[in-house]
Amino acid sequence: MRQFAISILVFIACFTTYGQVKVNPNGKFFDYNDTKIYYEDTGTGEPLLLLHNFFNTADCWEPYIETFSKQFRTIAVDMMGHGRSDIYNKDDSAFRHGEYAKMIFALLDSLKLDKVNAIGASSGGSTVLYLNVMQPDRFTSLITVGGHLYYSKQNREAIAKLGKDQFREWAINWGQNPEKQEYLVKTFWEMRKLSEGEPSFTPDKLNTITAKWLVVLGDNDFVIPIQHALEMHRGIPNSRLWIVPNGGHLPHLEPDFQPEFLRVSLEFLTGKWDKRD
């Protein structure tokens, strides 16, 4: 718990300078069933989709965009109900990763992107899993950081222990406006009740994934049991596993670790690891 709290304080220190998130020069909006979804389109080359964690925004990828965009066309998205994206179905407090995945497919179709790479963190990682199970031929190389296969007992207990005040603090410090703060707090709080069904990735589903995959998890992740990373690695046919020593839930957001994550992710995404025996 202490390690997780320290990691979160580091994340907040990195992002409080952003304040209320603004539309950046390369920012655009996509309409999905009358819901505006914000994304930033930077660079050229093979597409690289970037999906952030719950409570955050596409701005969290700022430490990586300059380097990534030299080799990839990066598409960084604000999850629905986050940052500059609209809330989807305000009357429904349940967050559905599968519905978010449909939004992403619609966005990719509008951009005429048939084959993409992707990095997904936490909820973004679960969404990436949905994307690959739904349309496995659409993806080339994937990285998940702190992704989970289902809501385990540890997941639900972590949500309950952290509580609404902590969620609200994250939402505030990551730049969410007052309406979205309350919406996200309510939505995330409801996740403590989930034990199956959303998401739920069994070995038979994981086995259908054809993309190259790098599973990343911190060994001090308070939210996601290390068993999830092992199950993901064993279940996805062409996968690698990276357990980050002393890493928290989202090690790629820790400034001291970012150079290493950048190096490893680029090696993996550009195929350097494919040449190793």
Protein backbone atom coordinates (compact mmCIF):
# COMPACT_ATOMS: atom_id res chain seq x y z
CA MET A 1 0.00 0.00 0.00
CA ARG A 2 2.81 2.43 0.92
CA GLN A 3 4.65 1.76 -2.36
CA PHE A 4 1.47 2.34 -4.33
CA ALA A 5 0.75 5.60 -2.50
CA ILE A 6 4.29 6.86 -3.15
CA SER A 7 3.96 6.04 -6.84
CA ILE A 8 0.68 7.92 -7.06
CA LEU A 9 2.23 10.99 -5.39
CA VAL A 10 4.99 10.92 -7.99
CA PHE A 11 2.40 10.77 -10.79
CA ILE A 12 0.45 13.69 -9.31
CA ALA A 13 3.61 15.78 -8.99
CA CYS A 14 4.23 15.22 -12.69
CA PHE A 15 0.80 16.32 -13.83
CA THR A 16 -0.42 19.07 -11.49
CA THR A 17 1.34 21.60 -13.71
CA TYR A 18 -1.10 20.82 -16.53
CA GLY A 19 -4.17 22.12 -14.63
CA GLN A 20 -7.40 21.85 -16.61
CA VAL A 21 -6.47 20.04 -19.82
CA LYS A 22 -6.56 22.13 -22.98
CA VAL A 23 -6.86 21.22 -26.64
CA ASN A 24 -3.32 21.00 -28.01
CA PRO A 25 -2.32 22.17 -31.52
CA ASN A 26 -2.36 18.61 -32.86
CA GLY A 27 -5.62 17.77 -31.06
CA LYS A 28 -8.73 16.67 -32.96
CA PHE A 29 -12.22 15.41 -32.21
CA PHE A 30 -14.02 12.33 -33.51
CA ASP A 31 -17.78 11.88 -33.21
CA TYR A 32 -19.02 8.52 -31.95
CA ASN A 33 -22.79 8.29 -31.55
CA ASP A 34 -22.96 12.03 -30.72
CA THR A 35 -20.07 11.66 -28.24
CA LYS A 36 -16.96 13.72 -28.95
CA ILE A 37 -13.75 11.75 -28.50
CA TYR A 38 -10.51 13.72 -28.33
CA TYR A 39 -7.27 12.43 -29.82
CA GLU A 40 -3.87 13.79 -30.80
CA ASP A 41 -2.30 12.74 -34.10
CA THR A 42 1.48 13.25 -34.24
CA GLY A 43 4.25 12.10 -36.54
CA THR A 44 4.37 9.73 -39.51
CA GLY A 45 5.06 6.06 -40.09
CA GLU A 46 3.36 2.97 -38.70
CA PRO A 47 0.45 3.90 -36.41
CA LEU A 48 1.00 3.63 -32.65
CA LEU A 49 -2.16 3.86 -30.55
CA LEU A 50 -1.70 5.15 -26.96
CA LEU A 51 -4.44 4.48 -24.38
CA HIS A 52 -4.04 5.95 -20.89
CA ASN A 53 -5.15 4.72 -17.46
CA PHE A 54 -8.38 5.65 -15.67
CA PHE A 55 -8.52 9.25 -14.32
CA ASN A 56 -5.74 10.39 -16.67
CA THR A 57 -5.63 11.95 -20.15
CA ALA A 58 -3.61 11.65 -23.34
CA ASP A 59 -1.25 14.25 -21.86
CA CYS A 60 0.36 11.51 -19.76
CA TRP A 61 2.17 10.32 -22.91
CA GLU A 62 3.92 13.68 -23.31
CA PRO A 63 7.32 12.33 -22.08
CA TYR A 64 7.25 9.79 -24.94
CA ILE A 65 5.54 11.51 -27.87
CA GLU A 66 8.56 13.39 -29.21
CA THR A 67 10.64 10.21 -29.51
CA PHE A 68 7.81 7.88 -30.53
CA SER A 69 6.62 10.26 -33.26
CA LYS A 70 10.01 10.15 -34.97
CA GLN A 71 9.32 6.52 -35.88
CA PHE A 72 5.54 6.19 -35.55
CA ARG A 73 2.37 8.06 -36.24
CA THR A 74 1.15 8.31 -32.66
CA ILE A 75 -2.58 8.41 -31.93
CA ALA A 76 -3.09 9.34 -28.25
CA VAL A 77 -6.73 9.26 -27.12
CA ASP A 78 -8.64 10.76 -24.19
CA MET A 79 -10.81 7.93 -22.87
CA MET A 80 -14.53 8.75 -22.91
CA GLY A 81 -15.47 10.80 -19.86
CA HIS A 82 -11.86 11.93 -19.43
CA GLY A 83 -10.12 15.19 -20.26
CA ARG A 84 -11.46 16.63 -23.49
CA SER A 85 -13.66 13.65 -24.43
CA ASP A 86 -17.37 13.69 -23.66
CA ILE A 87 -19.01 11.47 -21.09
CA TYR A 88 -20.68 8.55 -22.86
CA ASN A 89 -24.19 7.74 -21.59
CA LYS A 90 -24.29 9.91 -18.45
CA ASP A 91 -27.11 7.86 -16.95
CA ASP A 92 -24.98 4.69 -16.83
CA SER A 93 -22.32 4.56 -14.10
CA ALA A 94 -20.81 1.30 -15.39
CA PHE A 95 -17.60 1.64 -17.41
CA ARG A 96 -17.44 -0.89 -20.23
CA HIS A 97 -14.05 -1.54 -21.80
CA GLY A 98 -15.74 -3.35 -24.67
CA GLU A 99 -17.73 -0.24 -25.59
CA TYR A 100 -14.57 1.84 -25.46
CA ALA A 101 -12.93 -0.67 -27.80
CA LYS A 102 -15.77 -0.13 -30.30
CA MET A 103 -15.10 3.62 -30.13
CA ILE A 104 -11.44 3.02 -30.88
CA PHE A 105 -12.27 0.84 -33.88
CA ALA A 106 -14.57 3.56 -35.20
CA LEU A 107 -11.76 6.11 -34.77
CA LEU A 108 -9.24 3.86 -36.55
CA ASP A 109 -11.72 3.28 -39.38
CA SER A 110 -12.26 7.02 -39.78
CA LEU A 111 -8.49 7.46 -40.06
CA LYS A 112 -8.30 4.53 -42.51
CA LEU A 113 -5.79 2.69 -40.31
CA ASP A 114 -5.94 -1.05 -40.96
CA LYS A 115 -2.86 -2.21 -39.05
CA VAL A 116 -1.71 -0.59 -35.81
CA ASN A 117 0.62 -1.03 -32.84
CA ALA A 118 -0.57 -0.03 -29.39
CA ILE A 119 0.39 0.65 -25.77
CA GLY A 120 -2.34 0.49 -23.14
CA ALA A 121 -2.01 1.26 -19.42
CA SER A 122 -4.33 -0.21 -16.76
CA SER A 123 -7.87 0.31 -18.15
CA GLY A 124 -6.19 1.19 -21.45
CA GLY A 125 -4.48 -2.21 -21.27
CA SER A 126 -7.78 -4.01 -20.76
CA THR A 127 -9.17 -2.10 -23.73
CA VAL A 128 -6.23 -3.23 -25.85
CA LEU A 129 -7.09 -6.82 -24.91
CA TYR A 130 -10.66 -6.28 -26.09
CA LEU A 131 -9.42 -4.78 -29.34
CA ASN A 132 -7.21 -7.79 -30.06
CA VAL A 133 -9.82 -10.40 -29.17
CA MET A 134 -12.44 -8.61 -31.28
CA GLN A 135 -10.23 -8.04 -34.35
CA PRO A 136 -6.93 -9.91 -33.92
CA ASP A 137 -5.74 -9.27 -37.49
CA ARG A 138 -5.82 -5.52 -36.91
CA PHE A 139 -2.77 -5.35 -34.63
CA THR A 140 0.98 -5.86 -35.00
CA SER A 141 2.80 -5.22 -31.70
CA LEU A 142 1.22 -4.51 -28.31
CA ILE A 143 2.39 -3.44 -24.86
CA THR A 144 0.20 -3.53 -21.77
CA VAL A 145 1.28 -1.88 -18.51
CA GLY A 146 -0.65 -2.85 -15.39
CA GLY A 147 -3.34 -4.49 -17.50
CA HIS A 148 -5.79 -6.93 -15.93
CA LEU A 149 -7.74 -9.91 -17.23
CA TYR A 150 -10.66 -9.69 -14.78
CA TYR A 151 -11.54 -8.03 -11.48
CA SER A 152 -9.82 -10.20 -8.91
CA LYS A 153 -10.34 -10.01 -5.16
CA GLN A 154 -7.16 -7.92 -4.92
CA ASN A 155 -8.52 -5.48 -7.55
CA ARG A 156 -11.78 -4.99 -5.71
CA GLU A 157 -10.18 -4.69 -2.27
CA ALA A 158 -7.73 -2.08 -3.56
CA ILE A 159 -10.58 0.05 -4.92
CA ALA A 160 -12.47 -0.22 -1.63
CA LYS A 161 -9.40 0.65 0.49
CA LEU A 162 -8.37 3.65 -1.59
CA GLY A 163 -11.84 5.17 -1.47
CA LYS A 164 -13.68 8.04 -3.16
CA ASP A 165 -11.61 10.86 -1.66
CA GLN A 166 -8.45 9.43 -3.20
CA PHE A 167 -10.16 8.99 -6.57
CA ARG A 168 -11.36 12.57 -6.50
CA GLU A 169 -7.84 13.79 -5.72
CA TRP A 170 -6.47 11.92 -8.74
CA ALA A 171 -9.20 13.30 -10.98
CA ILE A 172 -8.53 16.86 -9.79
CA ASN A 173 -4.76 16.65 -10.13
CA TRP A 174 -4.95 15.04 -13.57
CA GLY A 175 -7.01 17.99 -14.81
CA GLN A 176 -10.59 16.67 -14.92
CA ASN A 177 -13.32 19.32 -14.71
CA PRO A 178 -15.83 19.17 -11.80
CA GLU A 179 -18.50 17.27 -13.75
CA LYS A 180 -16.02 14.63 -14.87
CA GLN A 181 -14.48 14.40 -11.43
CA GLU A 182 -17.78 13.27 -9.94
CA TYR A 183 -18.59 11.01 -12.87
CA LEU A 184 -15.21 9.24 -12.76
CA VAL A 185 -15.26 8.85 -8.97
CA LYS A 186 -18.72 7.27 -9.12
CA THR A 187 -17.79 5.04 -12.04
CA PHE A 188 -14.54 3.79 -10.54
CA TRP A 189 -16.16 3.20 -7.15
CA GLU A 190 -18.69 0.88 -8.83
CA MET A 191 -15.84 -1.27 -10.14
CA ARG A 192 -15.24 -2.69 -6.66
CA LYS A 193 -18.41 -4.77 -7.15
CA LEU A 194 -17.18 -6.43 -10.33
CA SER A 195 -15.78 -9.94 -10.15
CA GLU A 196 -16.50 -11.32 -13.61
CA GLY A 197 -17.80 -10.36 -17.01
CA GLU A 198 -16.17 -6.95 -17.58
CA PRO A 199 -13.46 -7.59 -18.44
CA SER A 200 -13.12 -11.35 -18.58
CA PHE A 201 -10.31 -12.85 -20.64
CA THR A 202 -10.08 -16.62 -20.37
CA PRO A 203 -7.19 -18.65 -21.86
CA ASP A 204 -9.25 -19.62 -24.92
CA LYS A 205 -9.79 -15.92 -25.74
CA LEU A 206 -6.15 -15.01 -25.15
CA ASN A 207 -5.09 -17.82 -27.45
CA THR A 208 -6.82 -16.11 -30.41
CA ILE A 209 -4.48 -13.09 -30.19
CA THR A 210 -1.96 -13.07 -33.04
CA ALA A 211 -0.02 -9.84 -32.37
CA LYS A 212 3.38 -9.71 -30.71
CA TRP A 213 2.82 -8.78 -27.07
CA LEU A 214 4.87 -7.38 -24.20
CA VAL A 215 3.28 -7.76 -20.76
CA VAL A 216 4.62 -5.19 -18.27
CA LEU A 217 3.80 -5.26 -14.56
CA GLY A 218 5.47 -3.79 -11.49
CA ASP A 219 6.31 -6.32 -8.79
CA ASN A 220 4.93 -3.86 -6.20
CA ASP A 221 1.65 -3.30 -8.02
CA PHE A 222 -0.94 -2.80 -5.28
CA VAL A 223 -3.88 -3.13 -7.67
CA ILE A 224 -3.03 -5.95 -10.08
CA PRO A 225 -1.79 -9.33 -8.80
CA ILE A 226 1.35 -10.59 -10.50
CA GLN A 227 -0.69 -13.68 -11.40
CA HIS A 228 -2.48 -11.59 -14.04
CA ALA A 229 0.79 -10.90 -15.84
CA LEU A 230 1.74 -14.58 -15.70
CA GLU A 231 -1.67 -15.66 -17.02
CA MET A 232 -1.53 -13.09 -19.79
CA HIS A 233 1.98 -14.17 -20.80
CA ARG A 234 1.08 -17.86 -20.78
CA GLY A 235 -2.21 -17.31 -22.61
CA ILE A 236 -1.06 -15.04 -25.46
CA PRO A 237 0.92 -17.17 -27.95
CA ASN A 238 3.56 -14.65 -29.05
CA SER A 239 4.23 -12.73 -25.83
CA ARG A 240 7.13 -11.54 -23.69
CA LEU A 241 7.01 -10.73 -19.97
CA TRP A 242 8.68 -7.82 -18.16
CA ILE A 243 8.27 -7.70 -14.38
CA VAL A 244 9.59 -4.30 -13.28
CA PRO A 245 11.63 -4.53 -10.03
CA ASN A 246 10.19 -2.26 -7.36
CA GLY A 247 7.65 -1.00 -9.90
CA GLY A 248 4.21 0.21 -8.90
CA HIS A 249 0.94 0.01 -10.82
CA LEU A 250 2.05 2.34 -13.64
CA PRO A 251 5.86 2.32 -13.70
CA HIS A 252 6.00 4.03 -17.12
CA LEU A 253 4.73 7.23 -15.45
CA GLU A 254 7.55 7.34 -12.90
CA PRO A 255 10.15 9.86 -14.17
CA ASP A 256 13.16 7.82 -13.05
CA PHE A 257 11.91 4.81 -14.97
CA GLN A 258 10.79 6.54 -18.17
CA PRO A 259 14.16 6.35 -20.03
CA GLU A 260 14.25 2.58 -19.50
CA PHE A 261 10.64 2.13 -20.56
CA LEU A 262 11.28 4.22 -23.67
CA ARG A 263 14.32 2.15 -24.61
CA VAL A 264 12.65 -1.22 -24.09
CA SER A 265 9.34 -0.26 -25.71
CA LEU A 266 11.09 1.06 -28.82
CA GLU A 267 13.23 -2.08 -29.11
CA PHE A 268 10.11 -4.22 -28.87
CA LEU A 269 7.91 -2.14 -31.19
CA THR A 270 10.57 -1.74 -33.89
CA GLY A 271 11.25 -5.49 -34.02
CA LYS A 272 14.75 -5.58 -32.55
CA TRP A 273 13.74 -8.41 -30.25
CA ASP A 274 12.56 -10.47 -33.23
CA LYS A 275 16.18 -10.93 -34.31
CA ARG A 276 17.20 -12.63 -31.09
CA ASP A 277 17.41 -16.42 -30.96
